[in-house]
Amino acid sequence: MQIHRSLKPVFVLSSTMLIAACAAKPCQAPACGDDQSLVAEVQGLLAQHPDLGPPNIITVQAHNGVVYLHGLVATDLQKQDAEDVIKRSPRVKRVENMIGLDNSTF
């Protein structure tokens, strides 16, 4: 598909706006409710472990039973503990642990 040069900026702008609008619309599918309740459950499990709280930062996302962990913790042990705590939930199919180590505490 060839686009006339003068229309390229319009095409790029409208495509960007469309993608942003889709991303901003909340998910209405039934699975989204399950994902949201799983995130809340996992956050509750993490909250029961003060050693994983501040100054550590752990964010949680879920999609179809897969939990994604992001953030920073002080030690490898805390990173592994966060994953182990979450795996206790029978609703968690898999954990993708992308938590990094914050070396600024040394």
C-alpha atoms as a PDB file:
ATOM      1  CA  MET A   1       0.000   0.000   0.000  1.00  0.00           C
ATOM      2  CA  GLN A   2       1.465   3.322  -1.043  1.00  0.00           C
ATOM      3  CA  ILE A   3       0.566   6.463   0.859  1.00  0.00           C
ATOM      4  CA  HIS A   4       0.995   9.874  -0.673  1.00  0.00           C
ATOM      5  CA  ARG A   5       3.795  11.795   1.080  1.00  0.00           C
ATOM      6  CA  SER A   6       1.516  14.560   2.311  1.00  0.00           C
ATOM      7  CA  LEU A   7      -0.822  12.004   3.918  1.00  0.00           C
ATOM      8  CA  LYS A   8       1.843  10.094   5.851  1.00  0.00           C
ATOM      9  CA  PRO A   9       1.776  12.421   8.904  1.00  0.00           C
ATOM     10  CA  VAL A  10      -2.022  12.199   9.012  1.00  0.00           C
ATOM     11  CA  PHE A  11      -1.888   8.418   8.768  1.00  0.00           C
ATOM     12  CA  VAL A  12       0.733   8.159  11.523  1.00  0.00           C
ATOM     13  CA  LEU A  13      -1.155  10.548  13.803  1.00  0.00           C
ATOM     14  CA  SER A  14      -4.515   8.843  13.321  1.00  0.00           C
ATOM     15  CA  SER A  15      -2.969   5.399  13.869  1.00  0.00           C
ATOM     16  CA  THR A  16      -1.323   6.591  17.072  1.00  0.00           C
ATOM     17  CA  MET A  17      -4.586   8.071  18.336  1.00  0.00           C
ATOM     18  CA  LEU A  18      -6.472   4.859  17.557  1.00  0.00           C
ATOM     19  CA  ILE A  19      -3.947   2.716  19.420  1.00  0.00           C
ATOM     20  CA  ALA A  20      -4.018   5.082  22.404  1.00  0.00           C
ATOM     21  CA  ALA A  21      -7.822   5.013  22.484  1.00  0.00           C
ATOM     22  CA  CYS A  22      -7.872   1.214  22.483  1.00  0.00           C
ATOM     23  CA  ALA A  23      -5.311   1.056  25.267  1.00  0.00           C
ATOM     24  CA  ALA A  24      -7.240   3.554  27.382  1.00  0.00           C
ATOM     25  CA  LYS A  25     -10.551   1.662  27.173  1.00  0.00           C
ATOM     26  CA  PRO A  26     -11.025  -0.634  30.169  1.00  0.00           C
ATOM     27  CA  CYS A  27     -11.344  -4.299  29.385  1.00  0.00           C
ATOM     28  CA  GLN A  28     -14.917  -5.592  29.518  1.00  0.00           C
ATOM     29  CA  ALA A  29     -14.241  -9.291  28.859  1.00  0.00           C
ATOM     30  CA  PRO A  30     -15.057 -11.743  31.671  1.00  0.00           C
ATOM     31  CA  ALA A  31     -11.405 -12.805  31.845  1.00  0.00           C
ATOM     32  CA  CYS A  32     -10.426  -9.235  32.741  1.00  0.00           C
ATOM     33  CA  GLY A  33     -12.433  -9.463  35.954  1.00  0.00           C
ATOM     34  CA  ASP A  34     -10.637 -12.689  36.798  1.00  0.00           C
ATOM     35  CA  ASP A  35      -7.286 -11.028  36.108  1.00  0.00           C
ATOM     36  CA  GLN A  36      -8.172  -8.058  38.301  1.00  0.00           C
ATOM     37  CA  SER A  37      -9.277 -10.259  41.195  1.00  0.00           C
ATOM     38  CA  LEU A  38      -6.094 -12.328  40.843  1.00  0.00           C
ATOM     39  CA  VAL A  39      -3.987  -9.149  41.025  1.00  0.00           C
ATOM     40  CA  ALA A  40      -5.859  -8.143  44.201  1.00  0.00           C
ATOM     41  CA  GLU A  41      -5.337 -11.605  45.695  1.00  0.00           C
ATOM     42  CA  VAL A  42      -1.616 -11.591  44.905  1.00  0.00           C
ATOM     43  CA  GLN A  43      -1.205  -8.072  46.293  1.00  0.00           C
ATOM     44  CA  GLY A  44      -2.899  -9.279  49.478  1.00  0.00           C
ATOM     45  CA  LEU A  45      -0.498 -12.224  49.730  1.00  0.00           C
ATOM     46  CA  LEU A  46       2.497  -9.914  49.298  1.00  0.00           C
ATOM     47  CA  ALA A  47       1.110  -7.495  51.909  1.00  0.00           C
ATOM     48  CA  GLN A  48       1.255 -10.297  54.491  1.00  0.00           C
ATOM     49  CA  HIS A  49       5.052 -10.258  54.188  1.00  0.00           C
ATOM     50  CA  PRO A  50       6.462  -6.997  55.581  1.00  0.00           C
ATOM     51  CA  ASP A  51       9.951  -7.872  54.337  1.00  0.00           C
ATOM     52  CA  LEU A  52       8.597  -7.466  50.794  1.00  0.00           C
ATOM     53  CA  GLY A  53       7.102  -4.040  51.517  1.00  0.00           C
ATOM     54  CA  PRO A  54       8.770  -0.622  51.355  1.00  0.00           C
ATOM     55  CA  PRO A  55      11.427   0.332  50.535  1.00  0.00           C
ATOM     56  CA  ASN A  56      10.959  -2.528  48.052  1.00  0.00           C
ATOM     57  CA  ILE A  57       8.677  -1.814  45.133  1.00  0.00           C
ATOM     58  CA  ILE A  58       6.740  -4.705  43.625  1.00  0.00           C
ATOM     59  CA  THR A  59       4.008  -4.251  41.035  1.00  0.00           C
ATOM     60  CA  VAL A  60       1.703  -7.032  39.911  1.00  0.00           C
ATOM     61  CA  GLN A  61      -0.089  -7.706  36.647  1.00  0.00           C
ATOM     62  CA  ALA A  62      -1.999 -10.817  35.603  1.00  0.00           C
ATOM     63  CA  HIS A  63      -3.281 -12.289  32.383  1.00  0.00           C
ATOM     64  CA  ASN A  64      -5.110 -15.624  32.176  1.00  0.00           C
ATOM     65  CA  GLY A  65      -3.615 -16.909  35.419  1.00  0.00           C
ATOM     66  CA  VAL A  66      -0.065 -15.821  34.623  1.00  0.00           C
ATOM     67  CA  VAL A  67       1.269 -13.319  37.164  1.00  0.00           C
ATOM     68  CA  TYR A  68       3.888 -10.794  36.088  1.00  0.00           C
ATOM     69  CA  LEU A  69       6.047  -9.248  38.800  1.00  0.00           C
ATOM     70  CA  HIS A  70       7.994  -6.037  38.210  1.00  0.00           C
ATOM     71  CA  GLY A  71       9.865  -3.716  40.522  1.00  0.00           C
ATOM     72  CA  LEU A  72      12.926  -3.557  42.731  1.00  0.00           C
ATOM     73  CA  VAL A  73      13.928  -5.382  45.899  1.00  0.00           C
ATOM     74  CA  ALA A  74      17.117  -5.311  47.949  1.00  0.00           C
ATOM     75  CA  THR A  75      18.148  -8.989  47.756  1.00  0.00           C
ATOM     76  CA  ASP A  76      17.882 -12.109  45.623  1.00  0.00           C
ATOM     77  CA  LEU A  77      16.182 -13.795  48.572  1.00  0.00           C
ATOM     78  CA  GLN A  78      13.377 -11.200  48.557  1.00  0.00           C
ATOM     79  CA  LYS A  79      12.948 -11.666  44.810  1.00  0.00           C
ATOM     80  CA  GLN A  80      12.588 -15.432  45.261  1.00  0.00           C
ATOM     81  CA  ASP A  81      10.347 -15.008  48.335  1.00  0.00           C
ATOM     82  CA  ALA A  82       7.925 -12.848  46.344  1.00  0.00           C
ATOM     83  CA  GLU A  83       7.632 -15.558  43.708  1.00  0.00           C
ATOM     84  CA  ASP A  84       7.259 -18.334  46.285  1.00  0.00           C
ATOM     85  CA  VAL A  85       4.501 -16.453  48.130  1.00  0.00           C
ATOM     86  CA  ILE A  86       2.523 -15.970  44.923  1.00  0.00           C
ATOM     87  CA  LYS A  87       2.851 -19.600  43.846  1.00  0.00           C
ATOM     88  CA  ARG A  88       0.857 -20.585  46.953  1.00  0.00           C
ATOM     89  CA  SER A  89      -2.311 -19.382  45.248  1.00  0.00           C
ATOM     90  CA  PRO A  90      -4.045 -22.203  43.376  1.00  0.00           C
ATOM     91  CA  ARG A  91      -5.250 -19.639  40.822  1.00  0.00           C
ATOM     92  CA  VAL A  92      -1.700 -18.845  39.694  1.00  0.00           C
ATOM     93  CA  LYS A  93      -0.697 -20.919  36.679  1.00  0.00           C
ATOM     94  CA  ARG A  94       2.746 -19.398  36.252  1.00  0.00           C
ATOM     95  CA  VAL A  95       4.869 -16.525  37.587  1.00  0.00           C
ATOM     96  CA  GLU A  96       7.035 -14.341  35.370  1.00  0.00           C
ATOM     97  CA  ASN A  97       9.398 -12.757  37.880  1.00  0.00           C
ATOM     98  CA  MET A  98      10.980  -9.662  36.344  1.00  0.00           C
ATOM     99  CA  ILE A  99      11.863  -8.042  39.651  1.00  0.00           C
ATOM    100  CA  GLY A 100      15.272  -6.379  39.641  1.00  0.00           C
ATOM    101  CA  LEU A 101      17.754  -5.756  42.423  1.00  0.00           C
ATOM    102  CA  ASP A 102      18.204  -2.275  43.832  1.00  0.00           C
ATOM    103  CA  ASN A 103      21.920  -2.020  44.475  1.00  0.00           C
ATOM    104  CA  SER A 104      21.655   1.511  45.842  1.00  0.00           C
ATOM    105  CA  THR A 105      21.153   0.124  49.355  1.00  0.00           C
ATOM    106  CA  PHE A 106      24.781  -1.004  49.555  1.00  0.00           C
END
